[in-house]
Amino acid sequence: MKRRAFITLLGGAAAWPLTGRAQQQSAMPVIGLLDQRSPNELAERLRGFRQGLQESGFIEGKNVAIEYRWGENKLERLPELAADLVRRQVAVIATTGGTSPALAAKTATTTIPVLFIVSEDPVRLGLVASLARPGGNLTGINWFAAEVTAKRLGLLRELVPAATRVAVLVNPTDAEYTEATLREVGAAAPTMGLQIQFVKASTIREINAAFATFVRDRPDALFVGTDPFFNSRRTQLVHLATHYALPASYPARDFTDAGGLMSYGANIADAWRQCGSYTGRILKGAKPADLPVVQSSTFELVINSQTATMLGLDVPPALLARADEVIE
């Protein structure tokens, strides 16, 4: 065999495994993950999503890839980010930041499967035809934040029985969450003898300004509305509530883990796990139309006793007994 032919043959043999690996990598399914926040404070939830994927047999970087798109708390960016994932031809889009990303993905595609994690009835939101048979290309997780708002307000009233004036913090740029909070709190407050003051904030500066008004208005307690932006600013919110010695109720345990007084709501990390599991099932061939919307059934009451002591509050024994966790 001539030397040049031998080298060509050898080069072709050496290139074959590289070509094979490239083909394997190109065949790896790609998930698009769309969230309106930044990833900075979502580590625990992302672990939950990856755990759900692993339960379905998929490990990021091994047999599945994830393209992340973060809105950085700018809702106007979501339609283009969703469209970008569609152009990327991902196998499935997981929208993990609530209603706005889910609606953006729904608008962007009618063919790529879309998973959502929302806090309100997805039928009312127009995401699915029904909970049992979603139809179309969307399904996901409903974690009932709006439905437990009244109960959370009652728990705050129980923890601070002398409270009569409660400030409720809402984000006006996210209409779905704001309207749900206004509706549920507005209906429940009169039956509890509470006067409600709605306070709006949609930026870091506006959050600071809202707390500054509490010096003048002197509410007895604070009720933080459900909103992805507030979750991303939980450290700031908890710090300000502590600084102003204001008893506060939050929608998720992320806040109490950060030092907040009390939280009540669904286990959000578990909702992300369920979303990851559904994503894996779709990658294996399941159709969103045939996967019922998962309704969260695990709700957590978490009380931070250290914060209560610092605020001079005596947590009622009956409330402590009902708590799923008391942070000492």
Protein backbone atom coordinates (compact mmCIF):
# COMPACT_ATOMS: atom_id res chain seq x y z
CA MET A 1 0.00 0.00 0.00
CA LYS A 2 1.33 3.43 -0.89
CA ARG A 3 2.27 5.69 2.00
CA ARG A 4 -0.23 8.45 1.00
CA ALA A 5 -3.11 5.95 0.77
CA PHE A 6 -2.15 4.49 4.14
CA ILE A 7 -2.17 7.93 5.78
CA THR A 8 -5.58 8.69 4.22
CA LEU A 9 -6.97 5.40 5.49
CA LEU A 10 -5.51 6.01 8.94
CA GLY A 11 -6.92 9.54 9.03
CA GLY A 12 -10.35 8.26 8.09
CA ALA A 13 -10.24 5.61 10.81
CA ALA A 14 -9.17 8.18 13.39
CA ALA A 15 -11.97 10.54 12.37
CA TRP A 16 -14.70 7.91 12.59
CA PRO A 17 -15.10 7.98 16.40
CA LEU A 18 -15.17 11.79 16.35
CA THR A 19 -17.92 11.75 13.73
CA GLY A 20 -19.82 9.17 15.76
CA ARG A 21 -19.55 11.28 18.89
CA ALA A 22 -20.73 14.38 17.03
CA GLN A 23 -23.74 12.47 15.74
CA GLN A 24 -24.54 11.24 19.23
CA GLN A 25 -24.30 14.77 20.62
CA SER A 26 -26.52 16.18 17.86
CA ALA A 27 -29.07 13.45 18.63
CA MET A 28 -29.22 14.46 22.29
CA PRO A 29 -32.66 15.98 23.02
CA VAL A 30 -32.65 19.64 24.03
CA ILE A 31 -35.00 21.14 26.62
CA GLY A 32 -35.71 24.86 26.61
CA LEU A 33 -36.21 26.27 30.12
CA LEU A 34 -37.87 29.70 30.20
CA ASP A 35 -38.14 31.75 33.41
CA GLN A 36 -38.83 35.43 33.91
CA ARG A 37 -36.25 35.77 36.69
CA SER A 38 -32.48 35.37 36.92
CA PRO A 39 -30.97 32.05 38.07
CA ASN A 40 -29.22 33.62 41.06
CA GLU A 41 -31.74 32.53 43.69
CA LEU A 42 -33.23 29.46 41.99
CA ALA A 43 -30.58 26.87 42.79
CA GLU A 44 -32.85 24.75 45.00
CA ARG A 45 -35.67 24.76 42.46
CA LEU A 46 -33.34 23.91 39.60
CA ARG A 47 -32.12 20.94 41.64
CA GLY A 48 -35.73 19.86 41.92
CA PHE A 49 -36.21 20.10 38.14
CA ARG A 50 -33.08 18.06 37.47
CA GLN A 51 -34.17 15.50 40.06
CA GLY A 52 -37.47 15.05 38.22
CA LEU A 53 -35.61 14.62 34.95
CA GLN A 54 -33.37 12.01 36.54
CA GLU A 55 -36.40 10.14 37.86
CA SER A 56 -37.47 9.85 34.22
CA GLY A 57 -34.03 8.64 33.14
CA PHE A 58 -32.45 11.89 31.93
CA ILE A 59 -29.31 13.56 33.23
CA GLU A 60 -28.26 17.00 32.01
CA GLY A 61 -25.07 16.82 29.97
CA LYS A 62 -25.23 13.03 29.68
CA ASN A 63 -28.32 12.22 27.64
CA VAL A 64 -30.16 15.54 27.59
CA ALA A 65 -29.18 19.20 27.17
CA ILE A 66 -30.93 22.29 28.57
CA GLU A 67 -31.02 25.69 26.90
CA TYR A 68 -31.74 28.30 29.61
CA ARG A 69 -33.48 31.58 28.85
CA TRP A 70 -33.76 34.06 31.74
CA GLY A 71 -35.97 37.16 31.59
CA GLU A 72 -34.02 38.98 34.33
CA ASN A 73 -37.37 40.25 35.72
CA LYS A 74 -38.21 42.00 32.44
CA LEU A 75 -41.54 40.56 31.32
CA GLU A 76 -41.32 42.27 27.94
CA ARG A 77 -38.37 40.02 27.04
CA LEU A 78 -40.34 36.78 27.37
CA PRO A 79 -41.99 36.66 23.90
CA GLU A 80 -38.62 36.96 22.12
CA LEU A 81 -36.97 34.45 24.47
CA ALA A 82 -39.79 31.98 23.79
CA ALA A 83 -39.51 32.60 20.04
CA ASP A 84 -35.77 31.99 20.25
CA LEU A 85 -36.35 28.56 21.79
CA VAL A 86 -38.82 27.76 19.04
CA ARG A 87 -36.23 28.74 16.41
CA ARG A 88 -33.76 26.54 18.24
CA GLN A 89 -36.24 23.67 17.66
CA VAL A 90 -36.01 22.37 21.22
CA ALA A 91 -37.85 19.15 21.99
CA VAL A 92 -39.89 20.67 24.82
CA ILE A 93 -40.19 24.03 26.58
CA ALA A 94 -40.46 24.08 30.38
CA THR A 95 -41.78 27.42 31.65
CA THR A 96 -40.99 27.68 35.33
CA GLY A 97 -41.63 31.30 36.27
CA GLY A 98 -45.42 31.43 36.43
CA THR A 99 -48.14 32.69 34.11
CA SER A 100 -46.20 35.14 31.91
CA PRO A 101 -43.61 32.66 30.56
CA ALA A 102 -46.33 30.05 30.01
CA LEU A 103 -48.45 32.47 27.98
CA ALA A 104 -45.39 33.60 26.01
CA ALA A 105 -44.56 30.00 25.09
CA LYS A 106 -48.19 29.25 24.24
CA THR A 107 -48.19 32.17 21.82
CA ALA A 108 -44.83 31.17 20.32
CA THR A 109 -45.72 27.59 19.34
CA THR A 110 -48.65 25.25 18.82
CA THR A 111 -46.50 22.22 18.06
CA ILE A 112 -43.60 22.06 20.55
CA PRO A 113 -44.73 20.57 23.90
CA VAL A 114 -44.86 23.19 26.67
CA LEU A 115 -44.78 22.49 30.42
CA PHE A 116 -45.87 25.15 32.90
CA ILE A 117 -45.76 25.79 36.64
CA VAL A 118 -48.54 28.24 37.54
CA SER A 119 -50.19 29.35 40.75
CA GLU A 120 -53.72 29.78 39.36
CA ASP A 121 -56.30 27.68 37.54
CA PRO A 122 -54.71 26.98 34.12
CA VAL A 123 -58.16 26.49 32.60
CA ARG A 124 -59.19 30.01 33.60
CA LEU A 125 -55.86 31.29 32.29
CA GLY A 126 -56.58 29.70 28.91
CA LEU A 127 -53.56 27.40 29.01
CA VAL A 128 -55.48 24.11 28.83
CA ALA A 129 -58.98 22.94 27.94
CA SER A 130 -59.39 20.96 31.16
CA LEU A 131 -57.27 19.67 34.01
CA ALA A 132 -57.89 16.01 33.23
CA ARG A 133 -57.46 16.32 29.46
CA PRO A 134 -55.43 19.43 28.67
CA GLY A 135 -55.65 19.11 24.88
CA GLY A 136 -53.25 21.03 22.67
CA ASN A 137 -49.52 21.17 23.40
CA LEU A 138 -49.52 22.38 27.03
CA THR A 139 -49.75 20.72 30.43
CA GLY A 140 -48.00 21.17 33.75
CA ILE A 141 -48.30 21.91 37.44
CA ASN A 142 -50.81 24.06 39.34
CA TRP A 143 -49.63 24.92 42.85
CA PHE A 144 -52.70 26.85 44.07
CA ALA A 145 -51.15 30.06 45.40
CA ALA A 146 -54.30 32.08 44.78
CA GLU A 147 -56.56 29.51 46.40
CA VAL A 148 -54.61 29.50 49.69
CA THR A 149 -54.30 33.31 49.94
CA ALA A 150 -57.23 33.64 52.33
CA LYS A 151 -55.89 30.86 54.56
CA ARG A 152 -52.46 32.48 54.65
CA LEU A 153 -54.03 35.78 55.68
CA GLY A 154 -55.90 33.96 58.45
CA LEU A 155 -52.68 32.38 59.70
CA LEU A 156 -51.07 35.82 59.87
CA ARG A 157 -54.07 37.06 61.85
CA GLU A 158 -53.65 34.11 64.21
CA LEU A 159 -49.95 34.79 64.67
CA VAL A 160 -50.50 38.53 65.26
CA PRO A 161 -53.96 38.61 66.90
CA ALA A 162 -53.73 42.31 67.74
CA ALA A 163 -53.28 43.25 64.09
CA THR A 164 -56.05 45.31 62.52
CA ARG A 165 -54.19 47.08 59.68
CA VAL A 166 -52.31 44.93 57.18
CA ALA A 167 -50.22 46.17 54.27
CA VAL A 168 -50.39 43.92 51.19
CA LEU A 169 -47.47 44.13 48.77
CA VAL A 170 -48.27 43.47 45.09
CA ASN A 171 -46.39 43.82 41.80
CA PRO A 172 -48.52 45.85 39.35
CA THR A 173 -46.50 44.77 36.29
CA ASP A 174 -47.68 41.17 36.68
CA ALA A 175 -51.43 41.56 36.34
CA GLU A 176 -52.45 37.92 36.87
CA TYR A 177 -50.76 37.65 40.28
CA THR A 178 -51.85 41.12 41.37
CA GLU A 179 -55.49 40.62 40.42
CA ALA A 180 -55.61 37.27 42.20
CA THR A 181 -54.16 38.76 45.40
CA LEU A 182 -56.51 41.75 45.29
CA ARG A 183 -59.48 39.46 44.74
CA GLU A 184 -58.71 36.90 47.44
CA VAL A 185 -57.46 39.32 50.12
CA GLY A 186 -60.28 41.76 49.41
CA ALA A 187 -62.87 39.04 49.96
CA ALA A 188 -61.28 37.55 53.10
CA ALA A 189 -60.15 40.63 55.03
CA PRO A 190 -63.58 41.98 56.12
CA THR A 191 -64.55 38.66 57.68
CA MET A 192 -61.37 38.83 59.78
CA GLY A 193 -61.88 42.44 60.84
CA LEU A 194 -58.81 43.59 58.93
CA GLN A 195 -58.22 46.88 57.16
CA ILE A 196 -56.10 46.40 54.06
CA GLN A 197 -53.67 48.81 52.46
CA PHE A 198 -52.42 47.69 49.05
CA VAL A 199 -48.88 48.78 48.29
CA LYS A 200 -47.34 48.44 44.81
CA ALA A 201 -43.72 47.69 43.95
CA SER A 202 -42.14 46.34 40.77
CA THR A 203 -38.48 47.34 41.18
CA ILE A 204 -35.82 47.17 43.88
CA ARG A 205 -36.15 50.91 44.45
CA GLU A 206 -39.94 50.71 44.72
CA ILE A 207 -39.64 47.95 47.33
CA ASN A 208 -37.39 50.21 49.41
CA ALA A 209 -39.82 53.11 48.95
CA ALA A 210 -42.78 50.94 49.98
CA PHE A 211 -41.14 50.01 53.27
CA ALA A 212 -40.24 53.64 53.89
CA THR A 213 -43.95 54.50 53.78
CA PHE A 214 -44.59 52.01 56.57
CA VAL A 215 -42.83 54.36 58.98
CA ARG A 216 -45.61 56.86 58.35
CA ASP A 217 -48.56 54.52 57.85
CA ARG A 218 -47.57 52.06 60.59
CA PRO A 219 -49.35 48.86 59.52
CA ASP A 220 -49.51 46.08 62.11
CA ALA A 221 -48.33 43.41 59.69
CA LEU A 222 -47.25 42.80 56.10
CA PHE A 223 -48.67 40.29 53.63
CA VAL A 224 -46.35 39.72 50.63
CA GLY A 225 -48.31 38.72 47.54
CA THR A 226 -47.35 35.77 45.37
CA ASP A 227 -45.10 36.94 42.56
CA PRO A 228 -41.93 35.60 40.89
CA PHE A 229 -40.24 39.00 41.19
CA PHE A 230 -40.83 39.08 44.95
CA ASN A 231 -39.38 35.60 45.22
CA SER A 232 -36.24 36.76 43.44
CA ARG A 233 -36.04 39.68 45.92
CA ARG A 234 -36.79 37.62 49.02
CA THR A 235 -33.52 38.49 50.77
CA GLN A 236 -34.27 42.19 50.37
CA LEU A 237 -37.87 41.78 51.56
CA VAL A 238 -36.93 39.75 54.62
CA HIS A 239 -34.15 42.19 55.54
CA LEU A 240 -36.48 45.20 55.29
CA ALA A 241 -39.25 43.51 57.29
CA THR A 242 -36.69 42.78 60.01
CA HIS A 243 -35.27 46.31 59.87
CA TYR A 244 -38.72 47.86 60.27
CA ALA A 245 -39.76 45.25 62.90
CA LEU A 246 -42.77 44.31 60.81
CA PRO A 247 -44.38 40.85 61.18
CA ALA A 248 -44.71 39.46 57.67
CA SER A 249 -46.30 36.51 55.89
CA TYR A 250 -44.77 35.08 52.72
CA PRO A 251 -46.04 32.68 50.01
CA ALA A 252 -43.19 30.14 50.05
CA ARG A 253 -40.65 28.63 52.42
CA ASP A 254 -37.77 30.25 50.51
CA PHE A 255 -38.60 33.38 52.51
CA THR A 256 -38.59 31.73 55.94
CA ASP A 257 -35.37 29.92 55.08
CA ALA A 258 -33.96 33.40 54.44
CA GLY A 259 -35.12 34.61 57.88
CA GLY A 260 -38.74 35.55 57.19
CA LEU A 261 -41.30 35.15 59.97
CA MET A 262 -43.87 32.82 58.44
CA SER A 263 -44.75 31.22 55.12
CA TYR A 264 -47.60 29.08 53.89
CA GLY A 265 -47.95 27.55 50.46
CA ALA A 266 -47.17 24.64 48.20
CA ASN A 267 -43.74 23.02 48.13
CA ILE A 268 -42.42 24.84 45.06
CA ALA A 269 -39.22 22.80 44.76
CA ASP A 270 -41.43 19.71 44.52
CA ALA A 271 -43.52 21.40 41.82
CA TRP A 272 -40.30 21.92 39.84
CA ARG A 273 -39.45 18.25 40.40
CA GLN A 274 -42.84 17.23 39.04
CA CYS A 275 -42.29 19.51 36.04
CA GLY A 276 -38.94 17.83 35.41
CA SER A 277 -40.59 14.42 35.63
CA TYR A 278 -43.28 15.41 33.12
CA THR A 279 -40.59 16.84 30.83
CA GLY A 280 -38.84 13.47 30.88
CA ARG A 281 -42.06 11.65 30.06
CA ILE A 282 -42.64 13.90 27.07
CA LEU A 283 -39.09 13.25 25.86
CA LYS A 284 -39.98 9.56 25.98
CA GLY A 285 -42.97 10.13 23.72
CA ALA A 286 -45.89 11.14 25.97
CA LYS A 287 -48.21 13.83 24.58
CA PRO A 288 -49.09 16.92 26.67
CA ALA A 289 -52.74 16.51 25.67
CA ASP A 290 -52.80 13.14 27.47
CA LEU A 291 -50.97 14.22 30.66
CA PRO A 292 -53.38 15.61 33.30
CA VAL A 293 -52.39 18.84 35.00
CA VAL A 294 -50.74 17.96 38.32
CA GLN A 295 -52.38 19.73 41.25
CA SER A 296 -50.08 20.29 44.22
CA SER A 297 -51.28 18.48 47.31
CA THR A 298 -48.42 19.27 49.69
CA PHE A 299 -48.69 22.59 51.53
CA GLU A 300 -46.21 23.79 54.14
CA LEU A 301 -46.65 26.07 57.12
CA VAL A 302 -43.17 27.16 58.17
CA ILE A 303 -42.50 29.43 61.16
CA ASN A 304 -39.17 31.01 62.00
CA SER A 305 -39.14 31.10 65.81
CA GLN A 306 -35.92 33.14 65.91
CA THR A 307 -37.55 35.91 63.93
CA ALA A 308 -40.67 35.71 66.10
CA THR A 309 -38.54 36.15 69.23
CA MET A 310 -36.69 39.08 67.69
CA LEU A 311 -40.05 40.73 66.90
CA GLY A 312 -41.31 40.09 70.43
CA LEU A 313 -44.03 37.71 69.25
CA ASP A 314 -45.26 34.72 71.22
CA VAL A 315 -46.28 32.10 68.66
CA PRO A 316 -49.54 30.47 69.84
CA PRO A 317 -48.96 26.80 70.81
CA ALA A 318 -51.83 25.71 68.56
CA LEU A 319 -50.12 27.36 65.59
CA LEU A 320 -46.78 25.78 66.45
CA ALA A 321 -48.48 22.38 66.63
CA ARG A 322 -49.87 22.82 63.11
CA ALA A 323 -46.58 23.97 61.62
CA ASP A 324 -44.86 21.58 59.24
CA GLU A 325 -41.53 23.01 60.32
CA VAL A 326 -40.36 25.42 63.00
CA ILE A 327 -36.98 27.00 62.29
CA GLU A 328 -35.21 27.42 65.62
